[in-house]
Amino acid sequence: MQQSVVLKASNDGYELILRQEASFDDIMVDLKVLLDRLQADNTTDKQISFDLDTASRLLTAEQNQKVTQLIQQYPLFSIHKLTANVILTADALAMIERDTVHLVNQIIRNGQVVEITGDVLFFGKIHEGGVLRATGSIFVMGEVNGALEAGYPDHNDAVIVSPLATVPRVRVGELLELVDLEKVVDGTDVVYINDIQALDYQPLQQLKRVRPKLFTRNGGRV
């Protein structure tokens, strides 16, 4: 049976990796077993600090507290930092707000094309047949029944962050396609150009993984 907690040693110390597929209860059980074993094997009084990596799992505040309290039961063990490769919606919006983003709150009607230079945070409404086109990325908080075109005409690192259930067509950089509803998640999608130069869809929580430069550019640690 695969353990839900993996200990990994590196030149910088130790890393505890929580497997995404495991339940939190299993993680707590396996973590205690691992810490008990490490304590028994530790023949010195040297402090051990762990980097806790939750991978694609977002721990709640309560879960974070439980993990921290468990590790604090062992005097020689502590948590150095906690990392994850996903973010919450609120974190994504905070990241956006730190950069220069054009706030657009208008109605785009059938046959109308609105073009913006830079990134766009869209609060308005796009009717069927309307188009929102930006040279940068597009982050949608409004209602869209028309087309979204980010990175126009050839900025392939741009993204579209939007619910897509009512969006007929998307474009990122040079790639244009009809929205494939089989790829759409129940919520907000990230549309981007992947490593094989094709349009791809991921849930919002994967934005930091697929476009880490967005976060580096904004200088924020989220």
C-alpha atoms as a PDB file:
ATOM      1  CA  MET A   1       0.000   0.000   0.000  1.00  0.00           C
ATOM      2  CA  GLN A   2       1.386   3.398  -1.002  1.00  0.00           C
ATOM      3  CA  GLN A   3       2.151   5.701   1.897  1.00  0.00           C
ATOM      4  CA  SER A   4       0.272   8.992   1.962  1.00  0.00           C
ATOM      5  CA  VAL A   5       3.298  10.885   3.335  1.00  0.00           C
ATOM      6  CA  VAL A   6       6.737  10.677   1.759  1.00  0.00           C
ATOM      7  CA  LEU A   7       9.976  11.860   3.359  1.00  0.00           C
ATOM      8  CA  LYS A   8      12.536  13.197   0.914  1.00  0.00           C
ATOM      9  CA  ALA A   9      16.058  14.225   1.862  1.00  0.00           C
ATOM     10  CA  SER A  10      17.986  16.917   0.016  1.00  0.00           C
ATOM     11  CA  ASN A  11      21.046  19.106   0.467  1.00  0.00           C
ATOM     12  CA  ASP A  12      18.799  21.731   2.040  1.00  0.00           C
ATOM     13  CA  GLY A  13      17.252  19.390   4.621  1.00  0.00           C
ATOM     14  CA  TYR A  14      14.089  17.304   4.597  1.00  0.00           C
ATOM     15  CA  GLU A  15      10.831  17.561   2.699  1.00  0.00           C
ATOM     16  CA  LEU A  16       7.502  16.002   3.675  1.00  0.00           C
ATOM     17  CA  ILE A  17       5.319  15.403   0.622  1.00  0.00           C
ATOM     18  CA  LEU A  18       1.581  14.823   1.136  1.00  0.00           C
ATOM     19  CA  ARG A  19       0.164  12.699  -1.666  1.00  0.00           C
ATOM     20  CA  GLN A  20      -2.736  14.378  -3.427  1.00  0.00           C
ATOM     21  CA  GLU A  21      -4.770  11.173  -3.761  1.00  0.00           C
ATOM     22  CA  ALA A  22      -4.745  10.329  -0.041  1.00  0.00           C
ATOM     23  CA  SER A  23      -7.456  11.332   2.410  1.00  0.00           C
ATOM     24  CA  PHE A  24      -6.487  13.791   5.127  1.00  0.00           C
ATOM     25  CA  ASP A  25      -7.208  11.168   7.825  1.00  0.00           C
ATOM     26  CA  ASP A  26      -4.748   8.761   6.174  1.00  0.00           C
ATOM     27  CA  ILE A  27      -2.182  11.546   5.953  1.00  0.00           C
ATOM     28  CA  MET A  28      -2.443  12.262   9.674  1.00  0.00           C
ATOM     29  CA  VAL A  29      -2.054   8.565  10.526  1.00  0.00           C
ATOM     30  CA  ASP A  30       0.951   8.061   8.244  1.00  0.00           C
ATOM     31  CA  LEU A  31       2.543  11.327   9.347  1.00  0.00           C
ATOM     32  CA  LYS A  32       2.435  10.280  13.006  1.00  0.00           C
ATOM     33  CA  VAL A  33       3.941   6.877  12.178  1.00  0.00           C
ATOM     34  CA  LEU A  34       6.715   8.581  10.204  1.00  0.00           C
ATOM     35  CA  LEU A  35       7.466  11.106  12.941  1.00  0.00           C
ATOM     36  CA  ASP A  36       7.523   8.379  15.595  1.00  0.00           C
ATOM     37  CA  ARG A  37      10.044   6.453  13.525  1.00  0.00           C
ATOM     38  CA  LEU A  38      12.213   9.516  12.912  1.00  0.00           C
ATOM     39  CA  GLN A  39      12.204  10.354  16.606  1.00  0.00           C
ATOM     40  CA  ALA A  40      13.220   6.811  17.520  1.00  0.00           C
ATOM     41  CA  ASP A  41      16.019   6.839  14.947  1.00  0.00           C
ATOM     42  CA  ASN A  42      17.319  10.255  15.987  1.00  0.00           C
ATOM     43  CA  THR A  43      20.314   9.648  18.230  1.00  0.00           C
ATOM     44  CA  THR A  44      21.284  13.320  18.526  1.00  0.00           C
ATOM     45  CA  ASP A  45      19.632  16.463  19.808  1.00  0.00           C
ATOM     46  CA  LYS A  46      19.889  18.142  16.410  1.00  0.00           C
ATOM     47  CA  GLN A  47      16.797  20.100  15.373  1.00  0.00           C
ATOM     48  CA  ILE A  48      15.145  18.866  12.154  1.00  0.00           C
ATOM     49  CA  SER A  49      13.175  21.337  10.074  1.00  0.00           C
ATOM     50  CA  PHE A  50      10.800  20.141   7.345  1.00  0.00           C
ATOM     51  CA  ASP A  51       9.572  21.747   4.161  1.00  0.00           C
ATOM     52  CA  LEU A  52       5.956  20.599   3.867  1.00  0.00           C
ATOM     53  CA  ASP A  53       4.839  20.153   0.250  1.00  0.00           C
ATOM     54  CA  THR A  54       1.103  19.621  -0.292  1.00  0.00           C
ATOM     55  CA  ALA A  55       1.519  19.359  -4.113  1.00  0.00           C
ATOM     56  CA  SER A  56      -1.884  19.903  -5.779  1.00  0.00           C
ATOM     57  CA  ARG A  57      -3.769  19.790  -2.477  1.00  0.00           C
ATOM     58  CA  LEU A  58      -4.966  22.913  -0.691  1.00  0.00           C
ATOM     59  CA  LEU A  59      -5.142  22.380   3.066  1.00  0.00           C
ATOM     60  CA  THR A  60      -7.816  24.250   4.965  1.00  0.00           C
ATOM     61  CA  ALA A  61      -6.811  26.443   7.903  1.00  0.00           C
ATOM     62  CA  GLU A  62      -8.038  23.715  10.261  1.00  0.00           C
ATOM     63  CA  GLN A  63      -6.014  21.030   8.462  1.00  0.00           C
ATOM     64  CA  ASN A  64      -2.914  23.225   8.524  1.00  0.00           C
ATOM     65  CA  GLN A  65      -3.384  23.657  12.248  1.00  0.00           C
ATOM     66  CA  LYS A  66      -3.753  19.913  12.831  1.00  0.00           C
ATOM     67  CA  VAL A  67      -0.571  19.124  10.893  1.00  0.00           C
ATOM     68  CA  THR A  68       1.345  21.846  12.714  1.00  0.00           C
ATOM     69  CA  GLN A  69       0.101  20.729  16.121  1.00  0.00           C
ATOM     70  CA  LEU A  70       1.094  17.136  15.401  1.00  0.00           C
ATOM     71  CA  ILE A  71       4.634  18.091  14.420  1.00  0.00           C
ATOM     72  CA  GLN A  72       4.918  20.380  17.457  1.00  0.00           C
ATOM     73  CA  GLN A  73       4.411  17.319  19.678  1.00  0.00           C
ATOM     74  CA  TYR A  74       7.981  16.367  18.748  1.00  0.00           C
ATOM     75  CA  PRO A  75      10.401  18.880  20.354  1.00  0.00           C
ATOM     76  CA  LEU A  76      13.166  18.364  17.785  1.00  0.00           C
ATOM     77  CA  PHE A  77      10.913  18.741  14.734  1.00  0.00           C
ATOM     78  CA  SER A  78       9.526  21.913  13.163  1.00  0.00           C
ATOM     79  CA  ILE A  79       8.069  23.175   9.866  1.00  0.00           C
ATOM     80  CA  HIS A  80      10.341  25.484   7.889  1.00  0.00           C
ATOM     81  CA  LYS A  81       7.833  26.347   5.160  1.00  0.00           C
ATOM     82  CA  LEU A  82       4.680  25.067   3.500  1.00  0.00           C
ATOM     83  CA  THR A  83       4.361  25.042  -0.277  1.00  0.00           C
ATOM     84  CA  ALA A  84       1.738  24.020  -2.845  1.00  0.00           C
ATOM     85  CA  ASN A  85       1.490  24.322  -6.618  1.00  0.00           C
ATOM     86  CA  VAL A  86      -2.133  25.482  -6.566  1.00  0.00           C
ATOM     87  CA  ILE A  87      -3.857  28.636  -5.390  1.00  0.00           C
ATOM     88  CA  LEU A  88      -7.236  29.779  -4.155  1.00  0.00           C
ATOM     89  CA  THR A  89      -9.473  32.045  -6.223  1.00  0.00           C
ATOM     90  CA  ALA A  90      -8.855  34.875  -3.752  1.00  0.00           C
ATOM     91  CA  ASP A  91      -5.097  34.465  -4.178  1.00  0.00           C
ATOM     92  CA  ALA A  92      -5.456  34.640  -7.958  1.00  0.00           C
ATOM     93  CA  LEU A  93      -7.453  37.858  -7.721  1.00  0.00           C
ATOM     94  CA  ALA A  94      -4.938  39.361  -5.292  1.00  0.00           C
ATOM     95  CA  MET A  95      -2.143  38.447  -7.705  1.00  0.00           C
ATOM     96  CA  ILE A  96      -4.011  40.159 -10.535  1.00  0.00           C
ATOM     97  CA  GLU A  97      -4.610  43.304  -8.478  1.00  0.00           C
ATOM     98  CA  ARG A  98      -0.883  43.735  -7.799  1.00  0.00           C
ATOM     99  CA  ASP A  99      -0.198  44.218 -11.490  1.00  0.00           C
ATOM    100  CA  THR A 100      -1.387  46.888 -13.908  1.00  0.00           C
ATOM    101  CA  VAL A 101      -4.663  45.474 -15.170  1.00  0.00           C
ATOM    102  CA  HIS A 102      -7.338  47.319 -17.121  1.00  0.00           C
ATOM    103  CA  LEU A 103     -10.709  47.063 -15.386  1.00  0.00           C
ATOM    104  CA  VAL A 104     -13.441  46.855 -18.026  1.00  0.00           C
ATOM    105  CA  ASN A 105     -17.106  47.075 -17.054  1.00  0.00           C
ATOM    106  CA  GLN A 106     -19.191  47.502 -20.191  1.00  0.00           C
ATOM    107  CA  ILE A 107     -21.624  45.730 -22.475  1.00  0.00           C
ATOM    108  CA  ILE A 108     -20.142  44.326 -25.694  1.00  0.00           C
ATOM    109  CA  ARG A 109     -22.948  43.800 -28.189  1.00  0.00           C
ATOM    110  CA  ASN A 110     -23.409  41.537 -31.210  1.00  0.00           C
ATOM    111  CA  GLY A 111     -20.915  42.469 -33.924  1.00  0.00           C
ATOM    112  CA  GLN A 112     -18.844  44.694 -31.609  1.00  0.00           C
ATOM    113  CA  VAL A 113     -15.121  44.074 -31.026  1.00  0.00           C
ATOM    114  CA  VAL A 114     -13.526  45.747 -28.000  1.00  0.00           C
ATOM    115  CA  GLU A 115      -9.715  45.794 -28.128  1.00  0.00           C
ATOM    116  CA  ILE A 116      -7.560  46.412 -25.048  1.00  0.00           C
ATOM    117  CA  THR A 117      -3.778  46.805 -24.821  1.00  0.00           C
ATOM    118  CA  GLY A 118      -2.501  44.831 -21.838  1.00  0.00           C
ATOM    119  CA  ASP A 119      -4.239  42.543 -19.347  1.00  0.00           C
ATOM    120  CA  VAL A 120      -7.971  42.840 -18.688  1.00  0.00           C
ATOM    121  CA  LEU A 121     -10.154  42.162 -15.662  1.00  0.00           C
ATOM    122  CA  PHE A 122     -13.639  42.066 -17.196  1.00  0.00           C
ATOM    123  CA  PHE A 123     -16.746  42.768 -15.097  1.00  0.00           C
ATOM    124  CA  GLY A 124     -19.227  43.488 -17.883  1.00  0.00           C
ATOM    125  CA  LYS A 125     -21.330  41.457 -20.284  1.00  0.00           C
ATOM    126  CA  ILE A 126     -20.529  40.133 -23.758  1.00  0.00           C
ATOM    127  CA  HIS A 127     -23.527  39.327 -25.926  1.00  0.00           C
ATOM    128  CA  GLU A 128     -23.518  36.536 -28.477  1.00  0.00           C
ATOM    129  CA  GLY A 129     -21.514  37.761 -31.473  1.00  0.00           C
ATOM    130  CA  GLY A 130     -19.447  40.209 -29.391  1.00  0.00           C
ATOM    131  CA  VAL A 131     -15.680  39.913 -28.977  1.00  0.00           C
ATOM    132  CA  LEU A 132     -13.313  40.971 -26.181  1.00  0.00           C
ATOM    133  CA  ARG A 133      -9.758  41.093 -27.522  1.00  0.00           C
ATOM    134  CA  ALA A 134      -6.648  41.878 -25.470  1.00  0.00           C
ATOM    135  CA  THR A 135      -2.918  41.884 -26.160  1.00  0.00           C
ATOM    136  CA  GLY A 136      -2.426  40.381 -22.691  1.00  0.00           C
ATOM    137  CA  SER A 137      -4.380  37.970 -20.523  1.00  0.00           C
ATOM    138  CA  ILE A 138      -8.126  38.113 -19.854  1.00  0.00           C
ATOM    139  CA  PHE A 139      -9.631  37.477 -16.407  1.00  0.00           C
ATOM    140  CA  VAL A 140     -13.432  37.300 -16.443  1.00  0.00           C
ATOM    141  CA  MET A 141     -15.678  38.193 -13.518  1.00  0.00           C
ATOM    142  CA  GLY A 142     -18.685  39.099 -15.665  1.00  0.00           C
ATOM    143  CA  GLU A 143     -21.025  37.337 -18.081  1.00  0.00           C
ATOM    144  CA  VAL A 144     -19.754  36.087 -21.430  1.00  0.00           C
ATOM    145  CA  ASN A 145     -21.773  34.721 -24.327  1.00  0.00           C
ATOM    146  CA  GLY A 146     -19.336  35.936 -26.980  1.00  0.00           C
ATOM    147  CA  ALA A 147     -15.713  35.307 -27.901  1.00  0.00           C
ATOM    148  CA  LEU A 148     -12.592  35.875 -25.809  1.00  0.00           C
ATOM    149  CA  GLU A 149      -9.248  36.531 -27.507  1.00  0.00           C
ATOM    150  CA  ALA A 150      -6.159  36.911 -25.318  1.00  0.00           C
ATOM    151  CA  GLY A 151      -2.566  37.522 -26.375  1.00  0.00           C
ATOM    152  CA  TYR A 152      -3.679  39.046 -29.670  1.00  0.00           C
ATOM    153  CA  PRO A 153      -2.126  38.674 -32.178  1.00  0.00           C
ATOM    154  CA  ASP A 154       0.818  36.443 -31.191  1.00  0.00           C
ATOM    155  CA  HIS A 155       1.501  36.592 -27.414  1.00  0.00           C
ATOM    156  CA  ASN A 156       1.365  32.862 -26.707  1.00  0.00           C
ATOM    157  CA  ASP A 157       2.118  33.174 -22.969  1.00  0.00           C
ATOM    158  CA  ALA A 158      -1.219  34.895 -22.313  1.00  0.00           C
ATOM    159  CA  VAL A 159      -4.109  33.099 -20.601  1.00  0.00           C
ATOM    160  CA  ILE A 160      -7.874  33.303 -20.420  1.00  0.00           C
ATOM    161  CA  VAL A 161      -9.354  32.775 -16.959  1.00  0.00           C
ATOM    162  CA  SER A 162     -13.121  32.447 -17.250  1.00  0.00           C
ATOM    163  CA  PRO A 163     -16.148  30.199 -16.858  1.00  0.00           C
ATOM    164  CA  LEU A 164     -16.526  28.741 -20.347  1.00  0.00           C
ATOM    165  CA  ALA A 165     -19.927  27.045 -20.366  1.00  0.00           C
ATOM    166  CA  THR A 166     -21.452  29.904 -22.410  1.00  0.00           C
ATOM    167  CA  VAL A 167     -18.357  30.959 -24.370  1.00  0.00           C
ATOM    168  CA  PRO A 168     -18.496  29.797 -28.012  1.00  0.00           C
ATOM    169  CA  ARG A 169     -14.954  30.614 -29.085  1.00  0.00           C
ATOM    170  CA  VAL A 170     -11.556  31.321 -27.513  1.00  0.00           C
ATOM    171  CA  ARG A 171      -8.255  32.470 -28.869  1.00  0.00           C
ATOM    172  CA  VAL A 172      -4.856  32.620 -27.179  1.00  0.00           C
ATOM    173  CA  GLY A 173      -2.006  34.070 -29.214  1.00  0.00           C
ATOM    174  CA  GLU A 174      -2.154  32.609 -32.689  1.00  0.00           C
ATOM    175  CA  LEU A 175      -4.441  29.697 -31.789  1.00  0.00           C
ATOM    176  CA  LEU A 176      -8.208  29.934 -32.218  1.00  0.00           C
ATOM    177  CA  GLU A 177     -10.815  27.251 -31.580  1.00  0.00           C
ATOM    178  CA  LEU A 178     -14.423  26.596 -30.711  1.00  0.00           C
ATOM    179  CA  VAL A 179     -14.816  25.773 -27.008  1.00  0.00           C
ATOM    180  CA  ASP A 180     -14.942  22.028 -26.442  1.00  0.00           C
ATOM    181  CA  LEU A 181     -17.492  21.615 -23.645  1.00  0.00           C
ATOM    182  CA  GLU A 182     -16.079  18.167 -22.851  1.00  0.00           C
ATOM    183  CA  LYS A 183     -12.887  19.888 -21.656  1.00  0.00           C
ATOM    184  CA  VAL A 184     -14.665  22.512 -19.551  1.00  0.00           C
ATOM    185  CA  VAL A 185     -14.640  22.150 -15.754  1.00  0.00           C
ATOM    186  CA  ASP A 186     -17.559  23.017 -13.474  1.00  0.00           C
ATOM    187  CA  GLY A 187     -16.381  26.496 -12.579  1.00  0.00           C
ATOM    188  CA  THR A 188     -13.554  28.627 -13.891  1.00  0.00           C
ATOM    189  CA  ASP A 189     -11.145  27.418 -16.556  1.00  0.00           C
ATOM    190  CA  VAL A 190      -7.665  28.522 -17.487  1.00  0.00           C
ATOM    191  CA  VAL A 191      -7.161  28.439 -21.258  1.00  0.00           C
ATOM    192  CA  TYR A 192      -3.523  28.501 -22.338  1.00  0.00           C
ATOM    193  CA  ILE A 193      -1.090  27.182 -24.923  1.00  0.00           C
ATOM    194  CA  ASN A 194       0.623  24.062 -23.603  1.00  0.00           C
ATOM    195  CA  ASP A 195       4.070  22.629 -24.275  1.00  0.00           C
ATOM    196  CA  ILE A 196       2.971  20.965 -27.499  1.00  0.00           C
ATOM    197  CA  GLN A 197       1.622  24.277 -28.817  1.00  0.00           C
ATOM    198  CA  ALA A 198      -2.060  23.393 -28.514  1.00  0.00           C
ATOM    199  CA  LEU A 199      -4.848  25.137 -26.624  1.00  0.00           C
ATOM    200  CA  ASP A 200      -5.411  23.409 -23.301  1.00  0.00           C
ATOM    201  CA  TYR A 201      -7.907  23.774 -20.451  1.00  0.00           C
ATOM    202  CA  GLN A 202      -7.163  23.495 -16.723  1.00  0.00           C
ATOM    203  CA  PRO A 203      -9.155  24.393 -13.580  1.00  0.00           C
ATOM    204  CA  LEU A 204      -8.315  27.720 -11.938  1.00  0.00           C
ATOM    205  CA  GLN A 205      -6.328  26.020  -9.182  1.00  0.00           C
ATOM    206  CA  GLN A 206      -3.723  25.062 -11.782  1.00  0.00           C
ATOM    207  CA  LEU A 207      -3.002  28.647 -12.918  1.00  0.00           C
ATOM    208  CA  LYS A 208       0.169  28.920 -10.863  1.00  0.00           C
ATOM    209  CA  ARG A 209       1.475  25.646 -12.263  1.00  0.00           C
ATOM    210  CA  VAL A 210       0.782  26.341 -15.932  1.00  0.00           C
ATOM    211  CA  ARG A 211       1.862  29.997 -15.872  1.00  0.00           C
ATOM    212  CA  PRO A 212       4.307  30.545 -12.974  1.00  0.00           C
ATOM    213  CA  LYS A 213       5.696  33.632 -14.745  1.00  0.00           C
ATOM    214  CA  LEU A 214       2.448  35.449 -13.950  1.00  0.00           C
ATOM    215  CA  PHE A 215       3.318  35.215 -10.270  1.00  0.00           C
ATOM    216  CA  THR A 216       7.007  35.995 -10.723  1.00  0.00           C
ATOM    217  CA  ARG A 217       6.137  39.062 -12.774  1.00  0.00           C
ATOM    218  CA  ASN A 218       3.831  40.319 -10.081  1.00  0.00           C
ATOM    219  CA  GLY A 219       6.501  39.826  -7.467  1.00  0.00           C
ATOM    220  CA  GLY A 220       4.055  38.175  -5.129  1.00  0.00           C
ATOM    221  CA  ARG A 221       4.386  35.108  -3.005  1.00  0.00           C
ATOM    222  CA  VAL A 222       0.953  33.536  -2.896  1.00  0.00           C
END
